């Protein structure tokens, strides 16, 4: 553990998020002197069951494979008595967030990054092409000064680094889910999704993490109401909650540049701190890793990264889709399910939600009425309704 009160670094990463630890690994592998500062006394992130596409393996490699606890090969979509089944050609991956972060941390340390625990970030000051950070040591409450040429904020949706560097506060939404016992009739490789717009403009999910247990939850707009909605849903579906998990997720409403220059030094944001979340599903693991890769590339190459432009284009496409379906009524979802003809189902089976441009083009080609539904909703709801930010 570093104790030098005037440590000087190439890059300081603030926050032990998945995107932050991955960025630290990429930079250390590229030859930068990197320290990652995490406020907790040990790297023991809160457990949370997540579902991602197989794209994560392509980006992250071995740590992502070790974090997989199940594979999903089938989706069942429910709305107003209707059911649609989608067989996936490439299985989705159910991962345990805490396992993923610990695996990424081991990889980063092997590459030469240092993880400094028990350091709470307080302030940032720029001077003479350097950034001076003030930390509080959890062991004794004393202040510690760290200087770096570049700082990466990886400290979540309510990023203090972002606020100190002048970025606007993000809008967030509550995620609430319960670990439950699976119904005896449910397949362990099948995720169920319910569209119930009177409860949420997003959806409910039930994701198996093993043959006997799964995660049931939803994204809402108001925290207490979301928790009450989940309790009603669990009771209606006869699901017994074993434990609850919750988080606030940034809601992507527009692209925000991930770099700011302060007195000749650079501050970057990655992951939830940068708002790199697909607003269609409010999932940000894969896009967070892509943003971290782009930021590391920009730092190592001393300039912009083409990867950021591609990520911006993709997140904006997810935003367009969300605007097209936000505030759908129950009848709209029922019609959407009715329009899932054989060709559309094949498109949904072939392309993942991390390939939105390919999927959207094929869907519109094979069922133009889907596009007409989206355009009609866009015209009726010109503004994307933003939930409360806290």
Protein backbone atom coordinates (compact mmCIF):
# COMPACT_ATOMS: atom_id res chain seq x y z
CA UNK A 1 0.00 0.00 0.00
CA UNK A 2 1.40 3.38 -1.03
CA UNK A 3 2.10 5.79 1.84
CA UNK A 4 4.05 8.53 0.08
CA UNK A 5 2.04 11.73 0.79
CA UNK A 6 3.30 13.32 -2.43
CA UNK A 7 3.08 10.40 -4.87
CA UNK A 8 3.32 11.44 -8.54
CA UNK A 9 1.76 9.24 -11.21
CA UNK A 10 1.04 9.05 -14.92
CA UNK A 11 -2.61 8.09 -14.31
CA UNK A 12 -4.77 7.98 -11.18
CA UNK A 13 -8.03 6.04 -11.44
CA UNK A 14 -10.67 6.96 -8.86
CA UNK A 15 -13.11 4.17 -8.08
CA UNK A 16 -12.97 0.38 -8.22
CA UNK A 17 -15.81 -0.09 -10.70
CA UNK A 18 -15.55 -2.73 -13.41
CA UNK A 19 -14.80 -0.09 -16.06
CA UNK A 20 -12.25 1.64 -13.82
CA UNK A 21 -10.33 -1.54 -13.00
CA UNK A 22 -10.35 -2.56 -16.67
CA UNK A 23 -9.01 0.86 -17.70
CA UNK A 24 -6.24 0.54 -15.11
CA UNK A 25 -5.29 -2.86 -16.56
CA UNK A 26 -5.18 -1.57 -20.15
CA UNK A 27 -3.05 1.44 -19.19
CA UNK A 28 -0.62 -0.61 -17.09
CA UNK A 29 -0.29 -3.11 -19.90
CA UNK A 30 0.50 -0.18 -22.20
CA UNK A 31 3.36 0.98 -19.97
CA UNK A 32 1.73 3.72 -17.88
CA UNK A 33 2.35 4.12 -14.15
CA UNK A 34 -1.15 3.61 -12.79
CA UNK A 35 -2.71 3.65 -9.34
CA UNK A 36 -6.36 2.90 -8.68
CA UNK A 37 -7.81 4.40 -5.50
CA UNK A 38 -10.86 2.79 -3.91
CA UNK A 39 -12.65 4.15 -0.84
CA UNK A 40 -13.45 0.79 0.74
CA UNK A 41 -10.89 -1.00 2.87
CA UNK A 42 -11.05 -4.15 0.75
CA UNK A 43 -12.08 -4.88 -2.80
CA UNK A 44 -15.35 -6.59 -1.97
CA UNK A 45 -18.00 -5.06 -4.23
CA UNK A 46 -21.66 -5.64 -3.49
CA UNK A 47 -23.02 -8.72 -5.29
CA UNK A 48 -25.38 -8.10 -8.18
CA UNK A 49 -26.62 -10.54 -10.81
CA UNK A 50 -26.26 -9.14 -14.32
CA UNK A 51 -27.05 -10.39 -17.81
CA UNK A 52 -24.84 -9.41 -20.75
CA UNK A 53 -24.21 -10.50 -24.31
CA UNK A 54 -21.30 -12.66 -25.42
CA UNK A 55 -19.62 -9.45 -26.61
CA UNK A 56 -18.17 -9.13 -23.11
CA UNK A 57 -15.90 -12.15 -23.67
CA UNK A 58 -14.52 -10.53 -26.82
CA UNK A 59 -13.60 -7.35 -24.94
CA UNK A 60 -12.51 -8.55 -21.51
CA UNK A 61 -11.32 -12.12 -21.98
CA UNK A 62 -10.52 -14.46 -19.09
CA UNK A 63 -11.90 -12.44 -16.13
CA UNK A 64 -15.33 -12.34 -17.77
CA UNK A 65 -15.34 -16.11 -18.32
CA UNK A 66 -14.57 -16.72 -14.66
CA UNK A 67 -17.49 -14.51 -13.62
CA UNK A 68 -20.12 -16.40 -15.64
CA UNK A 69 -22.56 -18.33 -13.45
CA UNK A 70 -25.11 -19.30 -16.12
CA UNK A 71 -25.88 -19.07 -19.84
CA UNK A 72 -29.20 -17.97 -21.30
CA UNK A 73 -30.29 -19.50 -24.60
CA UNK A 74 -33.93 -18.50 -24.68
CA UNK A 75 -36.16 -15.52 -23.89
CA UNK A 76 -39.87 -15.52 -23.13
CA UNK A 77 -41.68 -12.20 -23.58
CA UNK A 78 -45.00 -11.69 -21.77
CA UNK A 79 -47.60 -8.97 -22.32
CA UNK A 80 -51.35 -8.96 -21.72
CA UNK A 81 -51.77 -12.73 -21.99
CA UNK A 82 -49.47 -13.05 -25.01
CA UNK A 83 -46.18 -14.93 -25.01
CA UNK A 84 -43.34 -14.75 -27.54
CA UNK A 85 -40.35 -17.07 -27.44
CA UNK A 86 -36.92 -16.14 -28.84
CA UNK A 87 -34.13 -18.74 -29.17
CA UNK A 88 -30.66 -17.16 -29.08
CA UNK A 89 -27.97 -18.31 -31.51
CA UNK A 90 -25.30 -16.95 -29.17
CA UNK A 91 -26.13 -17.40 -25.49
CA UNK A 92 -26.38 -14.45 -23.16
CA UNK A 93 -24.19 -14.61 -20.07
CA UNK A 94 -25.34 -14.31 -16.48
CA UNK A 95 -22.49 -12.91 -14.41
CA UNK A 96 -21.88 -12.08 -10.78
CA UNK A 97 -20.61 -8.51 -10.59
CA UNK A 98 -18.42 -9.05 -7.53
CA UNK A 99 -16.63 -12.03 -9.14
CA UNK A 100 -16.06 -9.99 -12.29
CA UNK A 101 -14.49 -7.04 -10.47
CA UNK A 102 -12.21 -9.25 -8.37
CA UNK A 103 -11.03 -11.06 -11.51
CA UNK A 104 -10.37 -7.77 -13.27
CA UNK A 105 -8.42 -6.52 -10.24
CA UNK A 106 -6.15 -9.58 -10.28
CA UNK A 107 -5.52 -9.04 -13.98
CA UNK A 108 -4.73 -5.34 -13.46
CA UNK A 109 -2.24 -6.06 -10.68
CA UNK A 110 -0.48 -8.69 -12.77
CA UNK A 111 -0.08 -6.05 -15.52
CA UNK A 112 1.58 -3.64 -13.05
CA UNK A 113 -1.29 -1.47 -11.82
CA UNK A 114 -1.43 -0.81 -8.08
CA UNK A 115 -4.74 -0.89 -6.23
CA UNK A 116 -4.72 1.40 -3.21
CA UNK A 117 -7.64 0.65 -0.89
CA UNK A 118 -9.11 2.74 1.89
CA UNK A 119 -8.65 6.07 0.07
CA UNK A 120 -11.70 8.32 -0.21
CA UNK A 121 -11.37 10.98 -2.91
CA UNK A 122 -12.12 14.51 -1.67
CA UNK A 123 -10.90 17.16 -4.09
CA UNK A 124 -9.04 17.89 -7.29
CA UNK A 125 -6.94 20.93 -8.19
CA UNK A 126 -5.17 21.60 -11.48
CA UNK A 127 -1.86 23.45 -11.70
CA UNK A 128 1.06 23.46 -14.11
CA UNK A 129 -0.13 20.56 -16.28
CA UNK A 130 -0.76 18.37 -13.26
CA UNK A 131 -3.73 17.39 -11.14
CA UNK A 132 -3.38 17.28 -7.38
CA UNK A 133 -5.81 14.96 -5.63
CA UNK A 134 -6.65 15.00 -1.95
CA UNK A 135 -7.56 11.66 -0.37
CA UNK A 136 -8.69 10.67 3.09
CA UNK A 137 -7.16 7.51 4.54
CA UNK A 138 -9.80 5.30 6.12
CA UNK A 139 -7.29 3.83 8.60
CA UNK A 140 -6.63 7.10 10.44
CA UNK A 141 -8.63 9.88 8.73
CA UNK A 142 -5.49 11.71 7.64
CA UNK A 143 -5.25 13.52 4.30
CA UNK A 144 -2.98 12.32 1.55
CA UNK A 145 -1.91 14.20 -1.59
CA UNK A 146 -1.44 12.51 -4.96
CA UNK A 147 -0.30 14.16 -8.19
CA UNK A 148 -1.06 12.78 -11.64
CA UNK A 149 -0.85 13.89 -15.24
CA UNK A 150 -4.21 12.25 -15.96
CA UNK A 151 -7.16 11.33 -13.76
CA UNK A 152 -9.92 8.87 -14.64
CA UNK A 153 -13.22 9.13 -12.78
CA UNK A 154 -14.65 5.63 -12.41
CA UNK A 155 -16.64 6.38 -9.27
CA UNK A 156 -20.18 5.70 -10.45
CA UNK A 157 -23.24 7.61 -11.53
CA UNK A 158 -22.84 10.17 -8.73
CA UNK A 159 -19.17 10.68 -9.60
CA UNK A 160 -17.41 13.18 -7.35
CA UNK A 161 -14.58 13.41 -9.89
CA UNK A 162 -17.11 14.52 -12.52
CA UNK A 163 -18.58 17.17 -10.25
CA UNK A 164 -15.16 18.51 -9.24
CA UNK A 165 -14.09 18.71 -12.90
CA UNK A 166 -17.25 20.56 -13.97
CA UNK A 167 -19.43 17.91 -15.61
CA UNK A 168 -23.20 18.24 -15.05
CA UNK A 169 -24.95 15.91 -12.63
CA UNK A 170 -26.50 12.88 -14.31
CA UNK A 171 -30.09 11.76 -14.26
CA UNK A 172 -30.40 8.31 -12.67
CA UNK A 173 -33.07 5.64 -12.32
CA UNK A 174 -33.52 3.01 -9.60
CA UNK A 175 -32.80 -0.67 -10.23
CA UNK A 176 -34.35 -3.03 -7.70
CA UNK A 177 -34.21 -6.81 -7.86
CA UNK A 178 -34.68 -9.78 -5.56
CA UNK A 179 -32.90 -13.11 -5.53
CA UNK A 180 -35.71 -15.67 -5.59
CA UNK A 181 -36.33 -19.39 -5.85
CA UNK A 182 -37.21 -20.26 -9.44
CA UNK A 183 -40.62 -21.79 -10.23
CA UNK A 184 -40.28 -25.58 -10.66
CA UNK A 185 -41.57 -25.33 -14.23
CA UNK A 186 -38.98 -22.74 -15.36
CA UNK A 187 -36.01 -23.75 -17.47
CA UNK A 188 -32.61 -22.73 -16.13
CA UNK A 189 -31.50 -21.40 -19.53
CA UNK A 190 -34.53 -19.14 -20.08
CA UNK A 191 -34.99 -15.50 -19.10
CA UNK A 192 -38.52 -14.17 -18.77
CA UNK A 193 -39.46 -10.55 -19.51
CA UNK A 194 -42.79 -8.89 -18.71
CA UNK A 195 -44.00 -5.60 -20.20
CA UNK A 196 -46.33 -3.93 -17.67
CA UNK A 197 -46.33 -0.21 -18.55
CA UNK A 198 -48.57 0.83 -15.66
CA UNK A 199 -45.69 -0.18 -13.36
CA UNK A 200 -42.62 0.79 -15.44
CA UNK A 201 -41.81 2.17 -18.90
CA UNK A 202 -39.08 -0.49 -19.05
CA UNK A 203 -39.83 -4.10 -18.05
CA UNK A 204 -39.67 -6.78 -15.37
CA UNK A 205 -37.20 -9.64 -15.65
CA UNK A 206 -36.55 -13.04 -14.13
CA UNK A 207 -33.00 -14.22 -14.87
CA UNK A 208 -31.89 -17.70 -13.70
CA UNK A 209 -28.48 -17.69 -12.04
CA UNK A 210 -28.68 -21.43 -11.29
CA UNK A 211 -31.24 -24.21 -11.76
CA UNK A 212 -32.91 -23.18 -8.49
CA UNK A 213 -32.31 -19.44 -8.03
CA UNK A 214 -32.73 -16.32 -10.11
CA UNK A 215 -32.93 -12.53 -10.05
CA UNK A 216 -36.33 -10.88 -10.48
CA UNK A 217 -36.42 -7.11 -10.83
CA UNK A 218 -37.19 -3.96 -12.75
CA UNK A 219 -35.98 -0.47 -13.60
CA UNK A 220 -38.34 2.22 -12.35
CA UNK A 221 -38.54 5.99 -12.16
CA UNK A 222 -39.07 6.54 -8.42
CA UNK A 223 -37.24 4.47 -5.82
CA UNK A 224 -40.00 3.76 -3.25
CA UNK A 225 -42.62 3.17 -5.95
CA UNK A 226 -40.25 0.80 -7.76
CA UNK A 227 -39.72 -1.27 -4.60
CA UNK A 228 -43.49 -1.44 -4.00
CA UNK A 229 -44.06 -2.48 -7.61
CA UNK A 230 -41.48 -5.26 -7.26
CA UNK A 231 -43.14 -6.53 -4.08
CA UNK A 232 -46.52 -6.69 -5.86
CA UNK A 233 -44.96 -8.47 -8.82
CA UNK A 234 -43.22 -11.05 -6.63
CA UNK A 235 -46.47 -11.77 -4.82
CA UNK A 236 -48.42 -12.10 -8.07
CA UNK A 237 -45.82 -14.44 -9.57
CA UNK A 238 -45.58 -16.45 -6.31
CA UNK A 239 -41.86 -15.73 -5.99
CA UNK A 240 -40.26 -15.74 -2.55
CA UNK A 241 -37.54 -13.07 -2.09
CA UNK A 242 -34.38 -14.38 -0.43
CA UNK A 243 -32.47 -11.10 -0.58
CA UNK A 244 -32.72 -7.73 -2.32
CA UNK A 245 -30.22 -5.85 -4.48
CA UNK A 246 -30.50 -2.22 -5.56
CA UNK A 247 -28.57 0.45 -7.41
CA UNK A 248 -29.05 3.75 -9.19
CA UNK A 249 -28.21 3.58 -12.88
CA UNK A 250 -27.39 6.61 -15.06
CA UNK A 251 -30.00 7.35 -17.71
CA UNK A 252 -28.36 8.21 -21.02
CA UNK A 253 -30.15 11.25 -22.48
CA UNK A 254 -27.35 12.68 -24.63
CA UNK A 255 -23.65 12.15 -25.30
CA UNK A 256 -21.33 13.97 -22.94
CA UNK A 257 -17.63 14.28 -23.91
CA UNK A 258 -15.55 12.05 -21.66
CA UNK A 259 -12.50 14.35 -21.46
CA UNK A 260 -11.93 17.75 -19.88
CA UNK A 261 -8.71 19.76 -19.93
CA UNK A 262 -7.77 21.50 -16.69
CA UNK A 263 -4.61 23.65 -16.79
CA UNK A 264 -3.06 21.40 -19.40
CA UNK A 265 -3.93 18.14 -17.60
CA UNK A 266 -6.65 15.65 -18.56
CA UNK A 267 -9.65 14.30 -16.66
CA UNK A 268 -11.58 11.40 -18.18
CA UNK A 269 -14.74 9.54 -17.17
CA UNK A 270 -15.54 5.86 -17.73
CA UNK A 271 -18.42 3.50 -16.99
CA UNK A 272 -21.43 4.82 -15.09
CA UNK A 273 -19.53 8.04 -14.34
CA UNK A 274 -19.56 8.70 -18.09
CA UNK A 275 -23.18 7.58 -18.53
CA UNK A 276 -22.20 4.80 -20.93
CA UNK A 277 -25.45 2.88 -20.53
CA UNK A 278 -27.77 1.46 -23.19
CA UNK A 279 -31.00 3.27 -22.43
CA UNK A 280 -33.09 0.60 -24.17
CA UNK A 281 -32.32 -1.91 -21.42
CA UNK A 282 -30.42 0.35 -18.96
CA UNK A 283 -27.47 -2.03 -19.13
CA UNK A 284 -23.95 -0.64 -19.00
CA UNK A 285 -21.40 -3.41 -18.49
CA UNK A 286 -20.40 -4.03 -22.13
CA UNK A 287 -20.65 -0.37 -23.13
CA UNK A 288 -18.71 0.58 -19.98
CA UNK A 289 -15.87 -1.73 -21.01
CA UNK A 290 -15.94 -0.29 -24.51
CA UNK A 291 -15.70 3.24 -23.13
CA UNK A 292 -12.81 2.22 -20.86
CA UNK A 293 -11.00 0.70 -23.84
CA UNK A 294 -11.48 3.90 -25.84
CA UNK A 295 -10.26 6.13 -23.00
CA UNK A 296 -7.18 3.97 -22.42
CA UNK A 297 -6.45 4.08 -26.15
CA UNK A 298 -6.77 7.87 -26.20
CA UNK A 299 -4.42 8.26 -23.21
CA UNK A 300 -1.79 5.87 -24.57
CA UNK A 301 -1.91 7.37 -28.08
CA UNK A 302 -2.05 10.98 -26.95
CA UNK A 303 -5.22 11.80 -28.84
CA UNK A 304 -8.82 10.97 -29.66
CA UNK A 305 -10.05 7.41 -30.08
CA UNK A 306 -12.20 6.25 -32.98
CA UNK A 307 -13.78 3.81 -30.54
CA UNK A 308 -15.43 6.72 -28.73
CA UNK A 309 -17.12 7.87 -31.93
CA UNK A 310 -18.47 4.38 -32.54
CA UNK A 311 -19.71 4.14 -28.95
CA UNK A 312 -21.39 7.53 -29.22
CA UNK A 313 -23.18 6.45 -32.39
CA UNK A 314 -24.40 3.25 -30.76
CA UNK A 315 -25.61 4.89 -27.55
CA UNK A 316 -27.46 7.51 -29.57
CA UNK A 317 -29.17 4.76 -31.55
CA UNK A 318 -30.28 3.11 -28.30
CA UNK A 319 -31.62 6.53 -27.26
CA UNK A 320 -33.62 6.79 -30.48
CA UNK A 321 -35.12 3.34 -29.89
CA UNK A 322 -35.97 4.21 -26.28
CA UNK A 323 -37.70 7.40 -27.41
CA UNK A 324 -39.68 5.37 -29.94
CA UNK A 325 -41.01 2.92 -27.34
CA UNK A 326 -41.05 5.01 -24.16
CA UNK A 327 -44.59 5.40 -22.80
CA UNK A 328 -45.89 2.47 -24.85
CA UNK A 329 -49.30 1.37 -23.60
CA UNK A 330 -50.25 -2.25 -22.96
CA UNK A 331 -51.96 -2.39 -26.35
CA UNK A 332 -48.75 -1.22 -28.02
CA UNK A 333 -46.73 -4.02 -26.46
CA UNK A 334 -49.43 -6.52 -27.42
CA UNK A 335 -49.28 -5.33 -31.02
CA UNK A 336 -45.49 -5.45 -30.96
CA UNK A 337 -45.57 -9.11 -29.89
CA UNK A 338 -48.17 -9.86 -32.56
CA UNK A 339 -45.81 -8.42 -35.21
CA UNK A 340 -43.00 -10.82 -34.35
CA UNK A 341 -43.24 -12.88 -37.52
CA UNK A 342 -40.80 -15.68 -38.42
CA UNK A 343 -38.29 -13.34 -40.13
CA UNK A 344 -38.33 -10.88 -37.21
CA UNK A 345 -37.79 -13.70 -34.73
CA UNK A 346 -34.78 -14.87 -36.74
CA UNK A 347 -33.35 -11.34 -36.57
CA UNK A 348 -33.81 -11.25 -32.79
CA UNK A 349 -32.17 -14.67 -32.54
CA UNK A 350 -29.22 -13.68 -34.71
CA UNK A 351 -28.36 -10.17 -33.50
CA UNK A 352 -27.79 -9.02 -29.91
CA UNK A 353 -28.69 -5.76 -28.19
CA UNK A 354 -25.01 -4.82 -28.58
CA UNK A 355 -25.58 -4.75 -32.36
CA UNK A 356 -28.44 -2.23 -32.52
CA UNK A 357 -27.83 -0.88 -36.03
CA UNK A 358 -27.83 -4.32 -37.64
CA UNK A 359 -30.84 -5.45 -35.63
CA UNK A 360 -32.88 -2.30 -36.25
CA UNK A 361 -32.25 -2.34 -40.00
CA UNK A 362 -33.27 -5.98 -40.33
CA UNK A 363 -36.35 -5.58 -38.16
CA UNK A 364 -37.62 -2.64 -40.22
CA UNK A 365 -36.91 -4.54 -43.43
CA UNK A 366 -38.81 -7.64 -42.35
CA UNK A 367 -41.71 -5.89 -40.60
CA UNK A 368 -42.14 -2.20 -41.62
CA UNK A 369 -45.08 -1.82 -39.23
CA UNK A 370 -42.59 -1.94 -36.35
CA UNK A 371 -40.94 1.20 -37.71
CA UNK A 372 -44.34 2.87 -38.17
CA UNK A 373 -45.22 2.13 -34.54
CA UNK A 374 -41.96 3.73 -33.39
CA UNK A 375 -42.34 6.80 -35.58
CA UNK A 376 -45.92 7.30 -34.40
CA UNK A 377 -44.82 7.14 -30.76
CA UNK A 378 -41.91 9.52 -31.43
CA UNK A 379 -44.31 12.11 -32.83
CA UNK A 380 -46.74 11.67 -29.96
CA UNK A 381 -43.99 11.93 -27.31
CA UNK A 382 -41.46 14.41 -28.63
CA UNK A 383 -39.57 14.68 -25.35
CA UNK A 384 -37.98 11.69 -23.63
CA UNK A 385 -39.44 11.93 -20.14
CA UNK A 386 -36.61 12.22 -17.65
CA UNK A 387 -37.13 10.77 -14.19
CA UNK A 388 -35.94 12.39 -11.01
CA UNK A 389 -32.17 12.52 -10.57
CA UNK A 390 -32.14 11.37 -6.98
